[in-house]
Amino acid sequence: MPKIEYRVRPVTRYIVTRYRNDTGVSSIKGEYDSQQMAHEVAYALCKAEHDAAGTHPGDMDFVYPLDRASLD
C-alpha cells in the first residue's frame, strides 16, 4: 500500500484593493503571487483612473501604492 502524507505549507499572496473614502467601500482588484506584480498592477490601475479624471500630477485625490521593496 502507498504511503499517504498530508502537509501544511505557508502561502504568500498579494491582494490589490481599491478603497474609496467617501463611500467607505473597498474592493479587490486582483490577487498575485509576486509583490512586484501586485505593485505594478496597483500602480497601473491608479494611474489609469488618475489620467481619466484629468487632474494634475500630484493631486492628493489619488494615492499611489508604496513600493515596499524600496522600503526594506
PDB file of N, CA and C in Angstrom:
ATOM      1  N   MET A   1       0.851  -1.176   0.000  1.00  0.00           N
ATOM      2  CA  MET A   1       0.000   0.000   0.000  1.00  0.00           C
ATOM      3  C   MET A   1       0.905   1.249   0.000  1.00  0.00           C
ATOM      4  N   PRO A   2       0.526   2.303  -0.790  1.00  0.00           N
ATOM      5  CA  PRO A   2       1.351   3.513  -0.844  1.00  0.00           C
ATOM      6  C   PRO A   2       1.237   4.305   0.460  1.00  0.00           C
ATOM      7  N   LYS A   3       2.266   5.048   0.744  1.00  0.00           N
ATOM      8  CA  LYS A   3       2.269   5.934   1.910  1.00  0.00           C
ATOM      9  C   LYS A   3       1.574   7.240   1.535  1.00  0.00           C
ATOM     10  N   ILE A   4       0.642   7.673   2.343  1.00  0.00           N
ATOM     11  CA  ILE A   4      -0.100   8.915   2.117  1.00  0.00           C
ATOM     12  C   ILE A   4       0.352   9.922   3.168  1.00  0.00           C
ATOM     13  N   GLU A   5       0.672  11.108   2.730  1.00  0.00           N
ATOM     14  CA  GLU A   5       1.162  12.126   3.653  1.00  0.00           C
ATOM     15  C   GLU A   5       0.460  13.453   3.370  1.00  0.00           C
ATOM     16  N   TYR A   6       0.011  14.094   4.422  1.00  0.00           N
ATOM     17  CA  TYR A   6      -0.589  15.420   4.324  1.00  0.00           C
ATOM     18  C   TYR A   6       0.368  16.420   4.947  1.00  0.00           C
ATOM     19  N   ARG A   7       0.466  17.614   4.338  1.00  0.00           N
ATOM     20  CA  ARG A   7       1.330  18.659   4.863  1.00  0.00           C
ATOM     21  C   ARG A   7       0.594  19.996   4.826  1.00  0.00           C
ATOM     22  N   VAL A   8       1.027  20.864   5.682  1.00  0.00           N
ATOM     23  CA  VAL A   8       0.531  22.239   5.668  1.00  0.00           C
ATOM     24  C   VAL A   8       1.707  23.119   5.274  1.00  0.00           C
ATOM     25  N   ARG A   9       1.502  23.953   4.270  1.00  0.00           N
ATOM     26  CA  ARG A   9       2.561  24.821   3.766  1.00  0.00           C
ATOM     27  C   ARG A   9       2.080  26.268   3.758  1.00  0.00           C
ATOM     28  N   PRO A  10       2.969  27.167   4.123  1.00  0.00           N
ATOM     29  CA  PRO A  10       2.573  28.592   4.077  1.00  0.00           C
ATOM     30  C   PRO A  10       2.510  29.080   2.627  1.00  0.00           C
ATOM     31  N   VAL A  11       1.579  29.968   2.387  1.00  0.00           N
ATOM     32  CA  VAL A  11       1.419  30.560   1.059  1.00  0.00           C
ATOM     33  C   VAL A  11       1.334  32.071   1.234  1.00  0.00           C
ATOM     34  N   THR A  12       2.119  32.783   0.460  1.00  0.00           N
ATOM     35  CA  THR A  12       2.067  34.239   0.494  1.00  0.00           C
ATOM     36  C   THR A  12       1.410  34.733  -0.787  1.00  0.00           C
ATOM     37  N   ARG A  13       0.396  35.571  -0.623  1.00  0.00           N
ATOM     38  CA  ARG A  13      -0.284  36.175  -1.763  1.00  0.00           C
ATOM     39  C   ARG A  13      -0.356  37.672  -1.528  1.00  0.00           C
ATOM     40  N   TYR A  14      -0.504  38.392  -2.597  1.00  0.00           N
ATOM     41  CA  TYR A  14      -0.611  39.847  -2.532  1.00  0.00           C
ATOM     42  C   TYR A  14      -1.913  40.255  -3.196  1.00  0.00           C
ATOM     43  N   ILE A  15      -2.746  40.959  -2.453  1.00  0.00           N
ATOM     44  CA  ILE A  15      -4.065  41.373  -2.925  1.00  0.00           C
ATOM     45  C   ILE A  15      -4.015  42.864  -3.262  1.00  0.00           C
ATOM     46  N   VAL A  16      -4.500  43.221  -4.443  1.00  0.00           N
ATOM     47  CA  VAL A  16      -4.620  44.626  -4.835  1.00  0.00           C
ATOM     48  C   VAL A  16      -6.054  45.044  -4.531  1.00  0.00           C
ATOM     49  N   THR A  17      -6.200  46.120  -3.753  1.00  0.00           N
ATOM     50  CA  THR A  17      -7.527  46.620  -3.418  1.00  0.00           C
ATOM     51  C   THR A  17      -7.667  48.080  -3.838  1.00  0.00           C
ATOM     52  N   ARG A  18      -8.907  48.499  -3.992  1.00  0.00           N
ATOM     53  CA  ARG A  18      -9.228  49.902  -4.290  1.00  0.00           C
ATOM     54  C   ARG A  18     -10.186  50.372  -3.197  1.00  0.00           C
ATOM     55  N   TYR A  19      -9.819  51.443  -2.515  1.00  0.00           N
ATOM     56  CA  TYR A  19     -10.647  51.987  -1.443  1.00  0.00           C
ATOM     57  C   TYR A  19     -11.100  53.389  -1.819  1.00  0.00           C
ATOM     58  N   ARG A  20     -12.368  53.660  -1.579  1.00  0.00           N
ATOM     59  CA  ARG A  20     -12.930  54.988  -1.848  1.00  0.00           C
ATOM     60  C   ARG A  20     -13.447  55.535  -0.529  1.00  0.00           C
ATOM     61  N   ASN A  21     -12.825  56.625  -0.042  1.00  0.00           N
ATOM     62  CA  ASN A  21     -13.137  57.088   1.306  1.00  0.00           C
ATOM     63  C   ASN A  21     -14.516  57.721   1.458  1.00  0.00           C
ATOM     64  N   ASP A  22     -15.099  58.262   0.391  1.00  0.00           N
ATOM     65  CA  ASP A  22     -16.423  58.897   0.540  1.00  0.00           C
ATOM     66  C   ASP A  22     -17.535  57.875   0.731  1.00  0.00           C
ATOM     67  N   THR A  23     -17.325  56.657   0.235  1.00  0.00           N
ATOM     68  CA  THR A  23     -18.330  55.603   0.413  1.00  0.00           C
ATOM     69  C   THR A  23     -17.888  54.576   1.448  1.00  0.00           C
ATOM     70  N   GLY A  24     -16.594  54.559   1.761  1.00  0.00           N
ATOM     71  CA  GLY A  24     -16.075  53.570   2.707  1.00  0.00           C
ATOM     72  C   GLY A  24     -16.012  52.174   2.124  1.00  0.00           C
ATOM     73  N   VAL A  25     -16.058  52.084   0.796  1.00  0.00           N
ATOM     74  CA  VAL A  25     -16.095  50.780   0.125  1.00  0.00           C
ATOM     75  C   VAL A  25     -14.703  50.403  -0.366  1.00  0.00           C
ATOM     76  N   SER A  26     -14.309  49.177  -0.073  1.00  0.00           N
ATOM     77  CA  SER A  26     -13.050  48.623  -0.557  1.00  0.00           C
ATOM     78  C   SER A  26     -13.386  47.430  -1.450  1.00  0.00           C
ATOM     79  N   SER A  27     -12.716  47.346  -2.594  1.00  0.00           N
ATOM     80  CA  SER A  27     -12.969  46.222  -3.495  1.00  0.00           C
ATOM     81  C   SER A  27     -11.644  45.599  -3.920  1.00  0.00           C
ATOM     82  N   ILE A  28     -11.681  44.297  -4.148  1.00  0.00           N
ATOM     83  CA  ILE A  28     -10.488  43.558  -4.574  1.00  0.00           C
ATOM     84  C   ILE A  28     -10.365  43.658  -6.086  1.00  0.00           C
ATOM     85  N   LYS A  29      -9.178  44.032  -6.538  1.00  0.00           N
ATOM     86  CA  LYS A  29      -8.915  44.188  -7.969  1.00  0.00           C
ATOM     87  C   LYS A  29      -8.058  43.071  -8.531  1.00  0.00           C
ATOM     88  N   GLY A  30      -7.490  42.232  -7.669  1.00  0.00           N
ATOM     89  CA  GLY A  30      -6.692  41.120  -8.161  1.00  0.00           C
ATOM     90  C   GLY A  30      -5.862  40.498  -7.053  1.00  0.00           C
ATOM     91  N   GLU A  31      -5.397  39.290  -7.324  1.00  0.00           N
ATOM     92  CA  GLU A  31      -4.578  38.539  -6.379  1.00  0.00           C
ATOM     93  C   GLU A  31      -3.355  38.026  -7.130  1.00  0.00           C
ATOM     94  N   TYR A  32      -2.184  38.223  -6.550  1.00  0.00           N
ATOM     95  CA  TYR A  32      -0.938  37.909  -7.255  1.00  0.00           C
ATOM     96  C   TYR A  32       0.037  37.160  -6.356  1.00  0.00           C
ATOM     97  N   ASP A  33       0.856  36.329  -6.962  1.00  0.00           N
ATOM     98  CA  ASP A  33       1.873  35.575  -6.236  1.00  0.00           C
ATOM     99  C   ASP A  33       3.094  36.430  -5.928  1.00  0.00           C
ATOM    100  N   SER A  34       3.307  37.460  -6.729  1.00  0.00           N
ATOM    101  CA  SER A  34       4.503  38.294  -6.622  1.00  0.00           C
ATOM    102  C   SER A  34       4.146  39.687  -6.121  1.00  0.00           C
ATOM    103  N   GLN A  35       4.927  40.175  -5.147  1.00  0.00           N
ATOM    104  CA  GLN A  35       4.732  41.529  -4.645  1.00  0.00           C
ATOM    105  C   GLN A  35       4.982  42.544  -5.754  1.00  0.00           C
ATOM    106  N   GLN A  36       5.984  42.293  -6.569  1.00  0.00           N
ATOM    107  CA  GLN A  36       6.310  43.210  -7.660  1.00  0.00           C
ATOM    108  C   GLN A  36       5.160  43.314  -8.657  1.00  0.00           C
ATOM    109  N   MET A  37       4.583  42.171  -9.027  1.00  0.00           N
ATOM    110  CA  MET A  37       3.474  42.182  -9.983  1.00  0.00           C
ATOM    111  C   MET A  37       2.258  42.903  -9.392  1.00  0.00           C
ATOM    112  N   ALA A  38       1.968  42.646  -8.133  1.00  0.00           N
ATOM    113  CA  ALA A  38       0.834  43.313  -7.482  1.00  0.00           C
ATOM    114  C   ALA A  38       1.046  44.829  -7.462  1.00  0.00           C
ATOM    115  N   HIS A  39       2.267  45.249  -7.169  1.00  0.00           N
ATOM    116  CA  HIS A  39       2.569  46.681  -7.144  1.00  0.00           C
ATOM    117  C   HIS A  39       2.406  47.293  -8.531  1.00  0.00           C
ATOM    118  N   GLU A  40       2.915  46.611  -9.554  1.00  0.00           N
ATOM    119  CA  GLU A  40       2.803  47.127 -10.922  1.00  0.00           C
ATOM    120  C   GLU A  40       1.348  47.260 -11.348  1.00  0.00           C
ATOM    121  N   VAL A  41       0.529  46.276 -11.006  1.00  0.00           N
ATOM    122  CA  VAL A  41      -0.899  46.323 -11.354  1.00  0.00           C
ATOM    123  C   VAL A  41      -1.589  47.458 -10.603  1.00  0.00           C
ATOM    124  N   ALA A  42      -1.330  47.561  -9.292  1.00  0.00           N
ATOM    125  CA  ALA A  42      -1.965  48.609  -8.494  1.00  0.00           C
ATOM    126  C   ALA A  42      -1.576  49.995  -9.011  1.00  0.00           C
ATOM    127  N   TYR A  43      -0.310  50.171  -9.341  1.00  0.00           N
ATOM    128  CA  TYR A  43       0.166  51.461  -9.858  1.00  0.00           C
ATOM    129  C   TYR A  43      -0.516  51.781 -11.192  1.00  0.00           C
ATOM    130  N   ALA A  44      -0.575  50.790 -12.082  1.00  0.00           N
ATOM    131  CA  ALA A  44      -1.187  50.997 -13.402  1.00  0.00           C
ATOM    132  C   ALA A  44      -2.678  51.325 -13.273  1.00  0.00           C
ATOM    133  N   LEU A  45      -3.382  50.646 -12.374  1.00  0.00           N
ATOM    134  CA  LEU A  45      -4.805  50.923 -12.180  1.00  0.00           C
ATOM    135  C   LEU A  45      -5.015  52.345 -11.644  1.00  0.00           C
ATOM    136  N   CYS A  46      -4.198  52.737 -10.681  1.00  0.00           N
ATOM    137  CA  CYS A  46      -4.307  54.084 -10.116  1.00  0.00           C
ATOM    138  C   CYS A  46      -3.986  55.144 -11.172  1.00  0.00           C
ATOM    139  N   LYS A  47      -2.936  54.909 -11.943  1.00  0.00           N
ATOM    140  CA  LYS A  47      -2.537  55.870 -12.979  1.00  0.00           C
ATOM    141  C   LYS A  47      -3.626  56.018 -14.035  1.00  0.00           C
ATOM    142  N   ALA A  48      -4.226  54.902 -14.451  1.00  0.00           N
ATOM    143  CA  ALA A  48      -5.290  54.952 -15.468  1.00  0.00           C
ATOM    144  C   ALA A  48      -6.491  55.740 -14.957  1.00  0.00           C
ATOM    145  N   GLU A  49      -6.861  55.514 -13.706  1.00  0.00           N
ATOM    146  CA  GLU A  49      -8.001  56.241 -13.137  1.00  0.00           C
ATOM    147  C   GLU A  49      -7.654  57.729 -12.954  1.00  0.00           C
ATOM    148  N   HIS A  50      -6.431  57.997 -12.553  1.00  0.00           N
ATOM    149  CA  HIS A  50      -5.960  59.372 -12.384  1.00  0.00           C
ATOM    150  C   HIS A  50      -5.959  60.103 -13.729  1.00  0.00           C
ATOM    151  N   ASP A  51      -5.413  59.454 -14.754  1.00  0.00           N
ATOM    152  CA  ASP A  51      -5.389  60.053 -16.099  1.00  0.00           C
ATOM    153  C   ASP A  51      -6.805  60.314 -16.615  1.00  0.00           C
ATOM    154  N   ALA A  52      -7.704  59.365 -16.390  1.00  0.00           N
ATOM    155  CA  ALA A  52      -9.084  59.510 -16.858  1.00  0.00           C
ATOM    156  C   ALA A  52      -9.793  60.672 -16.169  1.00  0.00           C
ATOM    157  N   ALA A  53      -9.408  60.952 -14.923  1.00  0.00           N
ATOM    158  CA  ALA A  53     -10.016  62.062 -14.189  1.00  0.00           C
ATOM    159  C   ALA A  53      -9.517  63.411 -14.700  1.00  0.00           C
ATOM    160  N   GLY A  54      -8.353  63.399 -15.341  1.00  0.00           N
ATOM    161  CA  GLY A  54      -7.818  64.628 -15.918  1.00  0.00           C
ATOM    162  C   GLY A  54      -7.241  65.604 -14.909  1.00  0.00           C
ATOM    163  N   THR A  55      -6.952  65.125 -13.709  1.00  0.00           N
ATOM    164  CA  THR A  55      -6.376  66.022 -12.710  1.00  0.00           C
ATOM    165  C   THR A  55      -4.857  66.058 -12.846  1.00  0.00           C
ATOM    166  N   HIS A  56      -4.251  67.067 -12.238  1.00  0.00           N
ATOM    167  CA  HIS A  56      -2.817  67.279 -12.387  1.00  0.00           C
ATOM    168  C   HIS A  56      -2.005  66.229 -11.616  1.00  0.00           C
ATOM    169  N   PRO A  57      -0.778  65.973 -12.050  1.00  0.00           N
ATOM    170  CA  PRO A  57       0.101  65.063 -11.295  1.00  0.00           C
ATOM    171  C   PRO A  57       0.301  65.604  -9.873  1.00  0.00           C
ATOM    172  N   GLY A  58       0.325  64.716  -8.923  1.00  0.00           N
ATOM    173  CA  GLY A  58       0.476  65.122  -7.531  1.00  0.00           C
ATOM    174  C   GLY A  58      -0.842  65.422  -6.841  1.00  0.00           C
ATOM    175  N   ASP A  59      -1.952  65.330  -7.578  1.00  0.00           N
ATOM    176  CA  ASP A  59      -3.277  65.544  -6.995  1.00  0.00           C
ATOM    177  C   ASP A  59      -3.461  64.550  -5.843  1.00  0.00           C
ATOM    178  N   MET A  60      -3.813  65.046  -4.673  1.00  0.00           N
ATOM    179  CA  MET A  60      -3.926  64.211  -3.478  1.00  0.00           C
ATOM    180  C   MET A  60      -5.187  63.351  -3.452  1.00  0.00           C
ATOM    181  N   ASP A  61      -6.038  63.465  -4.480  1.00  0.00           N
ATOM    182  CA  ASP A  61      -7.212  62.604  -4.549  1.00  0.00           C
ATOM    183  C   ASP A  61      -6.849  61.191  -5.006  1.00  0.00           C
ATOM    184  N   PHE A  62      -5.632  61.014  -5.484  1.00  0.00           N
ATOM    185  CA  PHE A  62      -5.176  59.701  -5.939  1.00  0.00           C
ATOM    186  C   PHE A  62      -3.929  59.324  -5.152  1.00  0.00           C
ATOM    187  N   VAL A  63      -4.005  58.209  -4.452  1.00  0.00           N
ATOM    188  CA  VAL A  63      -2.883  57.753  -3.635  1.00  0.00           C
ATOM    189  C   VAL A  63      -2.308  56.495  -4.284  1.00  0.00           C
ATOM    190  N   TYR A  64      -1.108  56.621  -4.798  1.00  0.00           N
ATOM    191  CA  TYR A  64      -0.434  55.503  -5.466  1.00  0.00           C
ATOM    192  C   TYR A  64       0.134  54.544  -4.426  1.00  0.00           C
ATOM    193  N   PRO A  65       0.244  53.265  -4.777  1.00  0.00           N
ATOM    194  CA  PRO A  65       0.755  52.287  -3.799  1.00  0.00           C
ATOM    195  C   PRO A  65       2.241  52.540  -3.513  1.00  0.00           C
ATOM    196  N   LEU A  66       2.616  52.272  -2.273  1.00  0.00           N
ATOM    197  CA  LEU A  66       4.020  52.359  -1.897  1.00  0.00           C
ATOM    198  C   LEU A  66       4.766  51.160  -2.426  1.00  0.00           C
ATOM    199  N   ASP A  67       5.976  51.362  -2.859  1.00  0.00           N
ATOM    200  CA  ASP A  67       6.823  50.265  -3.312  1.00  0.00           C
ATOM    201  C   ASP A  67       7.511  49.691  -2.088  1.00  0.00           C
ATOM    202  N   ARG A  68       6.980  48.606  -1.559  1.00  0.00           N
ATOM    203  CA  ARG A  68       7.500  48.000  -0.319  1.00  0.00           C
ATOM    204  C   ARG A  68       8.944  47.548  -0.465  1.00  0.00           C
ATOM    205  N   ALA A  69       9.345  47.125  -1.648  1.00  0.00           N
ATOM    206  CA  ALA A  69      10.712  46.657  -1.864  1.00  0.00           C
ATOM    207  C   ALA A  69      11.719  47.765  -1.593  1.00  0.00           C
ATOM    208  N   SER A  70      11.366  49.002  -1.926  1.00  0.00           N
ATOM    209  CA  SER A  70      12.303  50.108  -1.709  1.00  0.00           C
ATOM    210  C   SER A  70      12.334  50.526  -0.241  1.00  0.00           C
ATOM    211  N   LEU A  71      11.348  50.110   0.542  1.00  0.00           N
ATOM    212  CA  LEU A  71      11.313  50.456   1.965  1.00  0.00           C
ATOM    213  C   LEU A  71      12.113  49.484   2.819  1.00  0.00           C
ATOM    214  N   ASP A  72      12.393  48.311   2.298  1.00  0.00           N
ATOM    215  CA  ASP A  72      13.136  47.289   3.063  1.00  0.00           C
ATOM    216  C   ASP A  72      14.606  47.590   3.148  1.00  0.00           C
TER     217      ASP A  72
END
